[in-house]
Amino acid sequence: MLVRQIRDPGGNNWDFFWEELKYRLEWGLEMNMEDDAGLELATLCVQQALISAYKGNCPLKPVMTGK
């Protein structure tokens, strides 16, 4: 029997997710999005804020697979 870990969005604490996301975006760097490099950096920061907030509020849960 194998045990793997998954994140179940149905069990996510969405209130805390939104609070953490708001915090991460408010305290992010001020970005200059007037050129491609600035826009790319801003996109990366938003992406990382989303991933961090999701992982922080949707913990891994063990799931048994196999017979």
N, C-alpha and C. Protein backbone atom coordinates (compact mmCIF):
# COMPACT_ATOMS: atom_id res chain seq x y z
N MET A 1 0.84 -1.17 0.00
CA MET A 1 0.00 0.00 0.00
C MET A 1 0.89 1.25 0.00
N LEU A 2 0.61 2.14 -0.89
CA LEU A 2 1.37 3.37 -1.00
C LEU A 2 0.64 4.51 -0.31
N VAL A 3 1.40 5.42 0.22
CA VAL A 3 0.82 6.63 0.81
C VAL A 3 1.39 7.82 0.06
N ARG A 4 0.53 8.61 -0.47
CA ARG A 4 0.97 9.85 -1.12
C ARG A 4 0.23 11.01 -0.47
N GLN A 5 0.70 12.21 -0.73
CA GLN A 5 0.07 13.37 -0.12
C GLN A 5 -0.53 14.26 -1.20
N ILE A 6 -1.72 14.76 -0.93
CA ILE A 6 -2.40 15.65 -1.85
C ILE A 6 -2.93 16.87 -1.10
N ARG A 7 -3.26 17.89 -1.83
CA ARG A 7 -3.94 19.06 -1.27
C ARG A 7 -5.40 19.00 -1.74
N ASP A 8 -6.32 19.12 -0.81
CA ASP A 8 -7.75 19.08 -1.11
C ASP A 8 -8.30 20.50 -1.01
N PRO A 9 -8.54 21.17 -2.15
CA PRO A 9 -9.05 22.54 -2.10
C PRO A 9 -10.38 22.66 -1.36
N GLY A 10 -11.15 21.58 -1.32
CA GLY A 10 -12.41 21.62 -0.59
C GLY A 10 -12.21 21.80 0.90
N GLY A 11 -11.05 21.39 1.39
CA GLY A 11 -10.74 21.53 2.80
C GLY A 11 -9.91 22.76 3.10
N ASN A 12 -9.75 23.61 2.10
CA ASN A 12 -8.93 24.81 2.26
C ASN A 12 -9.61 25.82 3.19
N ASN A 13 -8.81 26.54 3.95
CA ASN A 13 -9.32 27.61 4.80
C ASN A 13 -9.30 28.88 3.95
N TRP A 14 -10.38 29.13 3.21
CA TRP A 14 -10.39 30.21 2.22
C TRP A 14 -10.33 31.59 2.86
N ASP A 15 -10.89 31.77 4.04
CA ASP A 15 -10.81 33.08 4.70
C ASP A 15 -9.35 33.44 5.00
N PHE A 16 -8.61 32.49 5.55
CA PHE A 16 -7.20 32.74 5.84
C PHE A 16 -6.38 32.86 4.56
N PHE A 17 -6.77 32.10 3.52
CA PHE A 17 -6.09 32.21 2.23
C PHE A 17 -6.16 33.64 1.72
N TRP A 18 -7.38 34.22 1.71
CA TRP A 18 -7.55 35.58 1.20
C TRP A 18 -6.81 36.60 2.06
N GLU A 19 -6.81 36.40 3.38
CA GLU A 19 -6.07 37.31 4.26
C GLU A 19 -4.57 37.25 3.98
N GLU A 20 -4.05 36.04 3.86
CA GLU A 20 -2.62 35.89 3.60
C GLU A 20 -2.24 36.43 2.22
N LEU A 21 -3.08 36.18 1.23
CA LEU A 21 -2.80 36.69 -0.12
C LEU A 21 -2.79 38.22 -0.11
N LYS A 22 -3.76 38.82 0.55
CA LYS A 22 -3.82 40.27 0.64
C LYS A 22 -2.57 40.82 1.31
N TYR A 23 -2.15 40.18 2.42
CA TYR A 23 -0.95 40.60 3.13
C TYR A 23 0.27 40.52 2.23
N ARG A 24 0.43 39.39 1.54
CA ARG A 24 1.61 39.20 0.68
C ARG A 24 1.63 40.21 -0.46
N LEU A 25 0.48 40.51 -1.03
CA LEU A 25 0.45 41.46 -2.14
C LEU A 25 0.64 42.90 -1.67
N GLU A 26 0.13 43.23 -0.48
CA GLU A 26 0.30 44.59 0.04
C GLU A 26 1.75 44.87 0.40
N TRP A 27 2.46 43.85 0.89
CA TRP A 27 3.84 44.05 1.31
C TRP A 27 4.84 43.71 0.22
N GLY A 28 4.35 43.46 -0.98
CA GLY A 28 5.25 43.19 -2.10
C GLY A 28 5.98 44.45 -2.51
N LEU A 29 6.94 44.27 -3.35
CA LEU A 29 7.71 45.40 -3.85
C LEU A 29 6.84 46.26 -4.75
N GLU A 30 7.10 47.56 -4.75
CA GLU A 30 6.42 48.40 -5.72
C GLU A 30 7.08 48.15 -7.06
N MET A 31 6.28 47.85 -8.02
CA MET A 31 6.80 47.44 -9.32
C MET A 31 6.60 48.52 -10.36
N ASN A 32 7.56 48.63 -11.23
CA ASN A 32 7.44 49.48 -12.41
C ASN A 32 7.06 48.56 -13.56
N MET A 33 5.82 48.65 -13.99
CA MET A 33 5.34 47.75 -15.04
C MET A 33 5.28 48.43 -16.40
N GLU A 34 6.15 49.43 -16.60
CA GLU A 34 6.15 50.15 -17.86
C GLU A 34 6.96 49.44 -18.94
N ASP A 35 7.74 48.44 -18.56
CA ASP A 35 8.48 47.68 -19.55
C ASP A 35 8.27 46.18 -19.32
N ASP A 36 8.77 45.38 -20.25
CA ASP A 36 8.56 43.93 -20.17
C ASP A 36 9.18 43.33 -18.92
N ALA A 37 10.35 43.78 -18.53
CA ALA A 37 11.04 43.22 -17.36
C ALA A 37 10.25 43.51 -16.08
N GLY A 38 9.74 44.71 -15.94
CA GLY A 38 8.96 45.07 -14.76
C GLY A 38 7.65 44.30 -14.69
N LEU A 39 7.01 44.13 -15.84
CA LEU A 39 5.77 43.38 -15.89
C LEU A 39 6.01 41.91 -15.56
N GLU A 40 7.10 41.36 -16.07
CA GLU A 40 7.44 39.97 -15.77
C GLU A 40 7.73 39.77 -14.28
N LEU A 41 8.42 40.72 -13.68
CA LEU A 41 8.71 40.64 -12.25
C LEU A 41 7.43 40.73 -11.42
N ALA A 42 6.54 41.62 -11.80
CA ALA A 42 5.26 41.76 -11.08
C ALA A 42 4.44 40.48 -11.21
N THR A 43 4.41 39.89 -12.39
CA THR A 43 3.69 38.64 -12.60
C THR A 43 4.25 37.53 -11.73
N LEU A 44 5.56 37.45 -11.65
CA LEU A 44 6.22 36.44 -10.82
C LEU A 44 5.86 36.63 -9.35
N CYS A 45 5.85 37.86 -8.88
CA CYS A 45 5.50 38.14 -7.48
C CYS A 45 4.06 37.75 -7.17
N VAL A 46 3.13 38.05 -8.07
CA VAL A 46 1.73 37.67 -7.86
C VAL A 46 1.60 36.15 -7.86
N GLN A 47 2.30 35.50 -8.78
CA GLN A 47 2.26 34.04 -8.85
C GLN A 47 2.78 33.42 -7.55
N GLN A 48 3.90 33.91 -7.05
CA GLN A 48 4.46 33.38 -5.82
C GLN A 48 3.55 33.65 -4.62
N ALA A 49 2.91 34.80 -4.59
CA ALA A 49 1.97 35.12 -3.50
C ALA A 49 0.80 34.14 -3.52
N LEU A 50 0.27 33.83 -4.71
CA LEU A 50 -0.83 32.88 -4.82
C LEU A 50 -0.41 31.48 -4.36
N ILE A 51 0.74 31.03 -4.81
CA ILE A 51 1.22 29.69 -4.45
C ILE A 51 1.46 29.60 -2.94
N SER A 52 2.12 30.60 -2.38
CA SER A 52 2.43 30.57 -0.95
C SER A 52 1.16 30.60 -0.10
N ALA A 53 0.21 31.44 -0.47
CA ALA A 53 -1.05 31.52 0.29
C ALA A 53 -1.82 30.20 0.19
N TYR A 54 -1.82 29.60 -0.98
CA TYR A 54 -2.53 28.32 -1.16
C TYR A 54 -1.86 27.21 -0.35
N LYS A 55 -0.56 27.08 -0.48
CA LYS A 55 0.14 26.03 0.26
C LYS A 55 0.05 26.24 1.76
N GLY A 56 0.03 27.48 2.20
CA GLY A 56 -0.05 27.76 3.62
C GLY A 56 -1.41 27.48 4.23
N ASN A 57 -2.45 27.46 3.40
CA ASN A 57 -3.80 27.30 3.93
C ASN A 57 -4.53 26.07 3.40
N CYS A 58 -3.85 25.28 2.62
CA CYS A 58 -4.39 24.01 2.13
C CYS A 58 -3.32 22.95 2.36
N PRO A 59 -3.25 22.45 3.59
CA PRO A 59 -2.15 21.54 3.94
C PRO A 59 -2.23 20.21 3.19
N LEU A 60 -1.08 19.57 3.08
CA LEU A 60 -1.00 18.24 2.49
C LEU A 60 -1.67 17.23 3.41
N LYS A 61 -2.41 16.30 2.78
CA LYS A 61 -3.06 15.25 3.56
C LYS A 61 -2.64 13.91 2.97
N PRO A 62 -2.33 12.94 3.84
CA PRO A 62 -1.93 11.63 3.33
C PRO A 62 -3.15 10.88 2.76
N VAL A 63 -2.90 10.19 1.65
CA VAL A 63 -3.95 9.40 0.99
C VAL A 63 -3.35 8.02 0.71
N MET A 64 -4.07 6.96 1.12
CA MET A 64 -3.61 5.60 0.87
C MET A 64 -4.06 5.19 -0.55
N THR A 65 -3.17 4.61 -1.31
CA THR A 65 -3.51 4.11 -2.64
C THR A 65 -3.12 2.65 -2.73
N GLY A 66 -3.74 1.95 -3.63
CA GLY A 66 -3.41 0.54 -3.81
C GLY A 66 -4.32 -0.35 -3.00
N LYS A 67 -4.03 -1.66 -3.08
CA LYS A 67 -4.86 -2.64 -2.37
C LYS A 67 -4.25 -3.11 -1.10
